[in-house]
């Protein structure tokens, strides 16, 4: 089924976290730094030149929302890579490959240019119906679908990278790092394993 966000750029989401600011810098420039290492050799919290912060392999924007990180060699962080996989497993059936849309549901790339992360969360979790003169579009509520909700941040950062033009069409993202231990533990907890 998937993110049948059959509506244009407006999402209303069951949010956890602050909304995105309209005056923050665009995220279309991939960060070219690598995470710092602490004394044990693990990634320490690092801040990129683009104002992104990395914690345990997860990148956050200046507002604390999940975001992507693409290295100078074009490799993506774990969550962006996972989002590509999860999107194409759960969402592309309705919204088309790479978030480009289909005859059934709109592309999400344009939507992710205008909605906030909390709005995205709300629409995916709660669904939405949009009635237009020519048709009614329904995005089903996916809040009880663990294959979507356990990976919602991942799906969002992948689509955000596509919306920002940081990931070109027609390319499978190359994973730059192994799956972080935090991601493994969060996945087990969310899936009840």
Protein backbone atom coordinates (compact mmCIF):
# COMPACT_ATOMS: atom_id res chain seq x y z
CA UNK A 1 0.00 0.00 0.00
CA UNK A 2 2.29 2.79 1.12
CA UNK A 3 2.26 6.50 1.64
CA UNK A 4 -0.73 7.17 -0.54
CA UNK A 5 -0.40 10.88 0.12
CA UNK A 6 -2.90 11.65 -2.54
CA UNK A 7 -2.65 15.32 -1.95
CA UNK A 8 -0.25 17.96 -2.88
CA UNK A 9 2.14 19.78 -0.61
CA UNK A 10 0.14 19.77 2.62
CA UNK A 11 0.55 17.10 5.29
CA UNK A 12 -0.78 17.10 8.80
CA UNK A 13 1.12 14.73 11.04
CA UNK A 14 1.16 13.22 14.50
CA UNK A 15 4.39 14.93 15.25
CA UNK A 16 7.10 14.37 17.73
CA UNK A 17 9.51 17.23 17.64
CA UNK A 18 9.65 20.84 16.54
CA UNK A 19 8.37 22.03 13.19
CA UNK A 20 10.68 23.15 10.45
CA UNK A 21 11.54 26.80 10.23
CA UNK A 22 10.87 28.66 7.00
CA UNK A 23 14.04 30.70 7.38
CA UNK A 24 16.52 27.87 7.77
CA UNK A 25 19.15 27.45 5.07
CA UNK A 26 18.32 25.09 2.18
CA UNK A 27 19.55 21.53 2.58
CA UNK A 28 20.48 21.03 -1.03
CA UNK A 29 24.18 21.04 -0.30
CA UNK A 30 25.36 17.70 1.02
CA UNK A 31 27.63 17.82 4.02
CA UNK A 32 31.15 16.96 3.07
CA UNK A 33 32.52 16.23 6.50
CA UNK A 34 32.77 12.93 8.29
CA UNK A 35 31.71 12.28 11.85
CA UNK A 36 34.32 12.84 14.54
CA UNK A 37 35.56 9.83 16.49
CA UNK A 38 35.73 9.68 20.24
CA UNK A 39 38.56 8.03 22.18
CA UNK A 40 37.05 4.56 21.64
CA UNK A 41 36.87 5.08 17.88
CA UNK A 42 33.08 5.45 17.82
CA UNK A 43 31.34 8.35 16.11
CA UNK A 44 31.02 11.25 18.48
CA UNK A 45 28.37 13.88 17.99
CA UNK A 46 29.55 16.00 15.08
CA UNK A 47 28.29 19.17 13.48
CA UNK A 48 28.67 19.74 9.77
CA UNK A 49 29.25 22.99 7.96
CA UNK A 50 25.58 22.89 6.85
CA UNK A 51 24.38 23.06 10.47
CA UNK A 52 23.54 19.38 10.65
CA UNK A 53 24.33 17.42 13.78
CA UNK A 54 25.14 13.72 13.89
CA UNK A 55 24.32 11.53 16.88
CA UNK A 56 24.86 7.78 16.77
CA UNK A 57 24.73 7.77 12.97
CA UNK A 58 21.53 9.80 12.73
CA UNK A 59 21.69 13.29 11.23
CA UNK A 60 19.47 16.12 12.47
CA UNK A 61 18.88 19.54 11.00
CA UNK A 62 19.15 22.77 13.01
CA UNK A 63 15.56 22.29 14.24
CA UNK A 64 16.21 18.74 15.46
CA UNK A 65 14.35 17.06 12.59
CA UNK A 66 15.85 14.02 10.88
CA UNK A 67 17.83 14.80 7.76
CA UNK A 68 20.23 13.17 5.33
CA UNK A 69 23.98 13.30 5.01
CA UNK A 70 25.78 12.64 1.75
CA UNK A 71 29.57 12.48 1.72
CA UNK A 72 31.78 14.03 -0.94
CA UNK A 73 32.04 10.63 -2.66
CA UNK A 74 28.24 10.41 -2.92
CA UNK A 75 27.67 7.82 -0.22
CA UNK A 76 24.68 8.30 2.06
CA UNK A 77 24.17 7.82 5.78
CA UNK A 78 22.45 4.63 7.00
CA UNK A 79 19.02 6.22 7.51
CA UNK A 80 18.87 7.67 3.98
CA UNK A 81 19.87 4.30 2.55
CA UNK A 82 17.28 2.54 4.71
CA UNK A 83 14.67 5.11 3.66
CA UNK A 84 15.30 4.32 -0.01
CA UNK A 85 14.73 0.62 0.72
CA UNK A 86 11.65 1.22 2.91
CA UNK A 87 10.09 3.71 0.51
CA UNK A 88 10.40 1.27 -2.39
CA UNK A 89 9.04 -1.53 -0.22
CA UNK A 90 6.00 0.28 1.19
CA UNK A 91 5.30 3.55 -0.63
CA UNK A 92 6.29 3.45 -4.29
CA UNK A 93 3.33 1.28 -5.31
CA UNK A 94 1.13 4.38 -4.94
CA UNK A 95 3.58 7.28 -5.12
CA UNK A 96 5.83 5.96 -7.86
CA UNK A 97 9.53 5.21 -8.00
CA UNK A 98 11.78 7.70 -6.24
CA UNK A 99 8.85 9.79 -5.00
CA UNK A 100 8.04 11.02 -8.51
CA UNK A 101 4.32 10.17 -8.34
CA UNK A 102 2.01 8.02 -10.42
CA UNK A 103 -1.40 8.16 -12.03
CA UNK A 104 -2.78 6.93 -8.71
CA UNK A 105 -1.09 9.23 -6.18
CA UNK A 106 0.97 12.43 -6.26
CA UNK A 107 4.72 12.65 -6.18
CA UNK A 108 6.09 13.31 -2.74
CA UNK A 109 9.12 15.25 -3.88
CA UNK A 110 7.13 18.47 -4.34
CA UNK A 111 5.26 17.86 -1.08
CA UNK A 112 8.51 17.51 0.87
CA UNK A 113 9.59 20.93 -0.40
CA UNK A 114 6.77 22.63 1.48
CA UNK A 115 5.68 20.53 4.45
CA UNK A 116 7.35 20.13 7.80
CA UNK A 117 8.49 16.90 9.35
CA UNK A 118 5.65 16.97 11.92
CA UNK A 119 3.13 17.47 9.11
CA UNK A 120 4.62 14.51 7.24
CA UNK A 121 4.33 12.37 10.37
CA UNK A 122 0.69 13.35 10.88
CA UNK A 123 -0.40 12.52 7.34
CA UNK A 124 1.34 9.16 7.26
CA UNK A 125 0.09 8.12 10.69
CA UNK A 126 -3.44 9.52 10.53
CA UNK A 127 -4.18 9.62 6.82
CA UNK A 128 -6.04 12.33 4.98
CA UNK A 129 -8.82 12.87 2.48
CA UNK A 130 -8.67 15.65 -0.08
CA UNK A 131 -11.76 16.44 -2.11
CA UNK A 132 -11.38 18.31 -5.36
CA UNK A 133 -13.98 19.08 -8.04
CA UNK A 134 -12.70 16.24 -10.23
CA UNK A 135 -11.90 13.59 -7.60
CA UNK A 136 -11.44 12.63 -4.00
CA UNK A 137 -7.99 11.40 -2.96
CA UNK A 138 -7.49 9.31 0.13
CA UNK A 139 -4.26 8.68 1.97
CA UNK A 140 -4.93 5.75 4.32
CA UNK A 141 -3.78 5.98 7.93
CA UNK A 142 -0.64 3.91 8.34
CA UNK A 143 -0.10 4.55 12.05
CA UNK A 144 -0.53 0.85 12.85
CA UNK A 145 1.77 -0.39 10.07
CA UNK A 146 5.12 -1.16 11.72
CA UNK A 147 6.77 -1.54 8.32
CA UNK A 148 6.12 2.16 7.82
CA UNK A 149 6.08 3.66 11.30
CA UNK A 150 9.25 1.94 12.57
CA UNK A 151 11.11 3.49 9.61
CA UNK A 152 9.28 6.80 9.26
CA UNK A 153 12.40 8.91 9.86
CA UNK A 154 14.26 6.85 7.25
CA UNK A 155 11.53 7.32 4.64
CA UNK A 156 11.36 11.03 5.39
CA UNK A 157 15.11 11.65 5.04
CA UNK A 158 15.26 9.71 1.77
CA UNK A 159 12.38 11.73 0.33
CA UNK A 160 13.86 14.96 1.70
CA UNK A 161 17.16 14.22 -0.05
CA UNK A 162 15.25 13.63 -3.29
CA UNK A 163 13.18 16.81 -2.80
CA UNK A 164 16.30 18.88 -2.13
CA UNK A 165 18.01 17.52 -5.25
CA UNK A 166 20.79 15.91 -3.21
CA UNK A 167 19.94 12.44 -4.57
CA UNK A 168 19.50 12.37 -8.33
CA UNK A 169 16.87 10.27 -10.02
CA UNK A 170 17.82 6.87 -11.38
CA UNK A 171 20.48 6.01 -8.83
CA UNK A 172 20.36 3.53 -6.00
CA UNK A 173 22.00 5.33 -3.07
CA UNK A 174 25.33 3.90 -1.98
CA UNK A 175 25.48 3.21 1.73
CA UNK A 176 28.44 4.92 3.32
CA UNK A 177 28.34 3.31 6.76
CA UNK A 178 27.13 0.15 8.42
CA UNK A 179 23.85 0.11 10.31
CA UNK A 180 24.42 1.90 13.63
CA UNK A 181 23.86 -0.09 16.82
CA UNK A 182 21.27 2.48 17.90
CA UNK A 183 19.28 1.75 14.71
CA UNK A 184 19.48 -1.98 15.40
CA UNK A 185 18.20 -1.56 18.96
CA UNK A 186 15.44 0.88 17.97
CA UNK A 187 14.27 -1.48 15.22
CA UNK A 188 14.11 -4.45 17.60
CA UNK A 189 12.19 -2.41 20.14
CA UNK A 190 9.73 -0.99 17.58
CA UNK A 191 9.09 -4.36 15.95
CA UNK A 192 8.79 -6.08 19.32
CA UNK A 193 11.72 -8.45 18.71
